[in-house]
Amino acid sequence: MASLVYFRKESEDGMVIRYSFGEDPAEMMRLLIMNTYTRTAQPDDGDVDYTFLKASRKINAVYDERAQWPERGMSAS
C-alpha cells in the first residue's frame, strides 16, 4: 500500500516557516510550523499523526540534501 504526502511553503518569517500539507495536493488543509533554528515542527491542529510525521521528516531530509528549505514537495512510501 502506497502512502503519499504533499507539502507547500505558505509563509516564512524569521525562524518559522509554515507549510500546508496533506494526502491530496488539491486539498492541503493542515499547517505544519517548522522552527528553522531547532528544525522541529508542530502541527497547527495539535494532531501528530502519520501524515504530519511524513511531511516534517521529508522537509528536513530535503533541507539536509540542499541546505535550503523546500518550496514544495512530496513523500512517497
C-alpha atoms as a PDB file:
ATOM      1  CA  MET A   1       0.000   0.000   0.000  1.00  0.00           C
ATOM      2  CA  ALA A   2       1.467   3.351  -1.059  1.00  0.00           C
ATOM      3  CA  SER A   3       1.317   6.452   1.078  1.00  0.00           C
ATOM      4  CA  LEU A   4       1.702   9.931  -0.415  1.00  0.00           C
ATOM      5  CA  VAL A   5       2.059  13.191   1.475  1.00  0.00           C
ATOM      6  CA  TYR A   6       2.378  16.577  -0.239  1.00  0.00           C
ATOM      7  CA  PHE A   7       3.584  19.882   1.197  1.00  0.00           C
ATOM      8  CA  ARG A   8       3.942  23.504   0.069  1.00  0.00           C
ATOM      9  CA  LYS A   9       5.565  26.521   1.732  1.00  0.00           C
ATOM     10  CA  GLU A  10       2.930  29.097   2.628  1.00  0.00           C
ATOM     11  CA  SER A  11       4.949  31.706   4.507  1.00  0.00           C
ATOM     12  CA  GLU A  12       8.300  32.360   6.119  1.00  0.00           C
ATOM     13  CA  ASP A  13       9.188  34.868   8.815  1.00  0.00           C
ATOM     14  CA  GLY A  14      12.386  34.833  10.813  1.00  0.00           C
ATOM     15  CA  MET A  15      12.782  31.433  12.432  1.00  0.00           C
ATOM     16  CA  VAL A  16       9.405  29.995  11.363  1.00  0.00           C
ATOM     17  CA  ILE A  17       8.198  28.521   8.088  1.00  0.00           C
ATOM     18  CA  ARG A  18       4.584  27.483   7.612  1.00  0.00           C
ATOM     19  CA  TYR A  19       3.823  24.608   5.245  1.00  0.00           C
ATOM     20  CA  SER A  20       0.439  23.348   4.168  1.00  0.00           C
ATOM     21  CA  PHE A  21       0.346  19.567   3.855  1.00  0.00           C
ATOM     22  CA  GLY A  22      -1.947  16.648   3.143  1.00  0.00           C
ATOM     23  CA  GLU A  23      -2.541  13.464   1.206  1.00  0.00           C
ATOM     24  CA  ASP A  24      -4.060  15.300  -1.795  1.00  0.00           C
ATOM     25  CA  PRO A  25      -2.197  18.223  -3.418  1.00  0.00           C
ATOM     26  CA  ALA A  26      -5.530  19.928  -4.162  1.00  0.00           C
ATOM     27  CA  GLU A  27      -6.655  19.720  -0.527  1.00  0.00           C
ATOM     28  CA  MET A  28      -3.744  20.516   1.782  1.00  0.00           C
ATOM     29  CA  MET A  29      -5.840  21.941   4.600  1.00  0.00           C
ATOM     30  CA  ARG A  30      -3.469  21.400   7.531  1.00  0.00           C
ATOM     31  CA  LEU A  31      -0.482  23.548   8.537  1.00  0.00           C
ATOM     32  CA  LEU A  32       2.910  22.473   9.794  1.00  0.00           C
ATOM     33  CA  ILE A  33       5.015  25.092  11.583  1.00  0.00           C
ATOM     34  CA  MET A  34       8.765  24.481  11.247  1.00  0.00           C
ATOM     35  CA  ASN A  35      11.235  26.163  13.599  1.00  0.00           C
ATOM     36  CA  THR A  36      14.250  26.669  11.326  1.00  0.00           C
ATOM     37  CA  TYR A  37      16.680  27.063  14.224  1.00  0.00           C
ATOM     38  CA  THR A  38      15.810  23.829  16.054  1.00  0.00           C
ATOM     39  CA  ARG A  39      14.439  22.087  12.922  1.00  0.00           C
ATOM     40  CA  THR A  40      11.455  20.893  14.906  1.00  0.00           C
ATOM     41  CA  ALA A  41       7.892  21.003  13.632  1.00  0.00           C
ATOM     42  CA  GLN A  42       4.450  21.280  15.173  1.00  0.00           C
ATOM     43  CA  PRO A  43       1.078  20.749  13.516  1.00  0.00           C
ATOM     44  CA  ASP A  44      -1.241  23.746  13.922  1.00  0.00           C
ATOM     45  CA  ASP A  45      -4.114  21.465  14.926  1.00  0.00           C
ATOM     46  CA  GLY A  46      -2.063  19.517  17.516  1.00  0.00           C
ATOM     47  CA  ASP A  47      -2.602  16.196  15.691  1.00  0.00           C
ATOM     48  CA  VAL A  48       0.815  14.499  15.462  1.00  0.00           C
ATOM     49  CA  ASP A  49      -0.234  11.753  13.068  1.00  0.00           C
ATOM     50  CA  TYR A  50       1.446   9.746  10.308  1.00  0.00           C
ATOM     51  CA  THR A  51       0.758  12.409   7.643  1.00  0.00           C
ATOM     52  CA  PHE A  52       2.335  15.139   9.778  1.00  0.00           C
ATOM     53  CA  LEU A  53       5.376  12.992  10.604  1.00  0.00           C
ATOM     54  CA  LYS A  54       5.963  12.081   6.938  1.00  0.00           C
ATOM     55  CA  ALA A  55       5.737  15.716   5.842  1.00  0.00           C
ATOM     56  CA  SER A  56       8.033  17.048   8.571  1.00  0.00           C
ATOM     57  CA  ARG A  57      10.628  14.318   8.033  1.00  0.00           C
ATOM     58  CA  LYS A  58      10.665  14.892   4.271  1.00  0.00           C
ATOM     59  CA  ILE A  59      11.027  18.660   4.699  1.00  0.00           C
ATOM     60  CA  ASN A  60      14.025  18.095   6.994  1.00  0.00           C
ATOM     61  CA  ALA A  61      15.507  15.488   4.609  1.00  0.00           C
ATOM     62  CA  VAL A  62      15.307  17.927   1.691  1.00  0.00           C
ATOM     63  CA  TYR A  63      16.973  20.587   3.840  1.00  0.00           C
ATOM     64  CA  ASP A  64      19.767  18.107   4.655  1.00  0.00           C
ATOM     65  CA  GLU A  65      20.311  17.429   0.942  1.00  0.00           C
ATOM     66  CA  ARG A  66      20.144  21.009  -0.367  1.00  0.00           C
ATOM     67  CA  ALA A  67      20.839  23.292   2.614  1.00  0.00           C
ATOM     68  CA  GLN A  68      17.641  25.153   1.641  1.00  0.00           C
ATOM     69  CA  TRP A  69      14.101  24.860   2.897  1.00  0.00           C
ATOM     70  CA  PRO A  70      11.964  23.406   0.110  1.00  0.00           C
ATOM     71  CA  GLU A  71       9.211  25.396  -1.574  1.00  0.00           C
ATOM     72  CA  ARG A  72       7.148  22.253  -2.138  1.00  0.00           C
ATOM     73  CA  GLY A  73       7.494  18.505  -2.360  1.00  0.00           C
ATOM     74  CA  MET A  74       6.092  15.104  -1.644  1.00  0.00           C
ATOM     75  CA  SER A  75       6.961  11.949   0.225  1.00  0.00           C
ATOM     76  CA  ALA A  76       6.066   8.503  -1.078  1.00  0.00           C
ATOM     77  CA  SER A  77       6.432   5.219   0.734  1.00  0.00           C
END
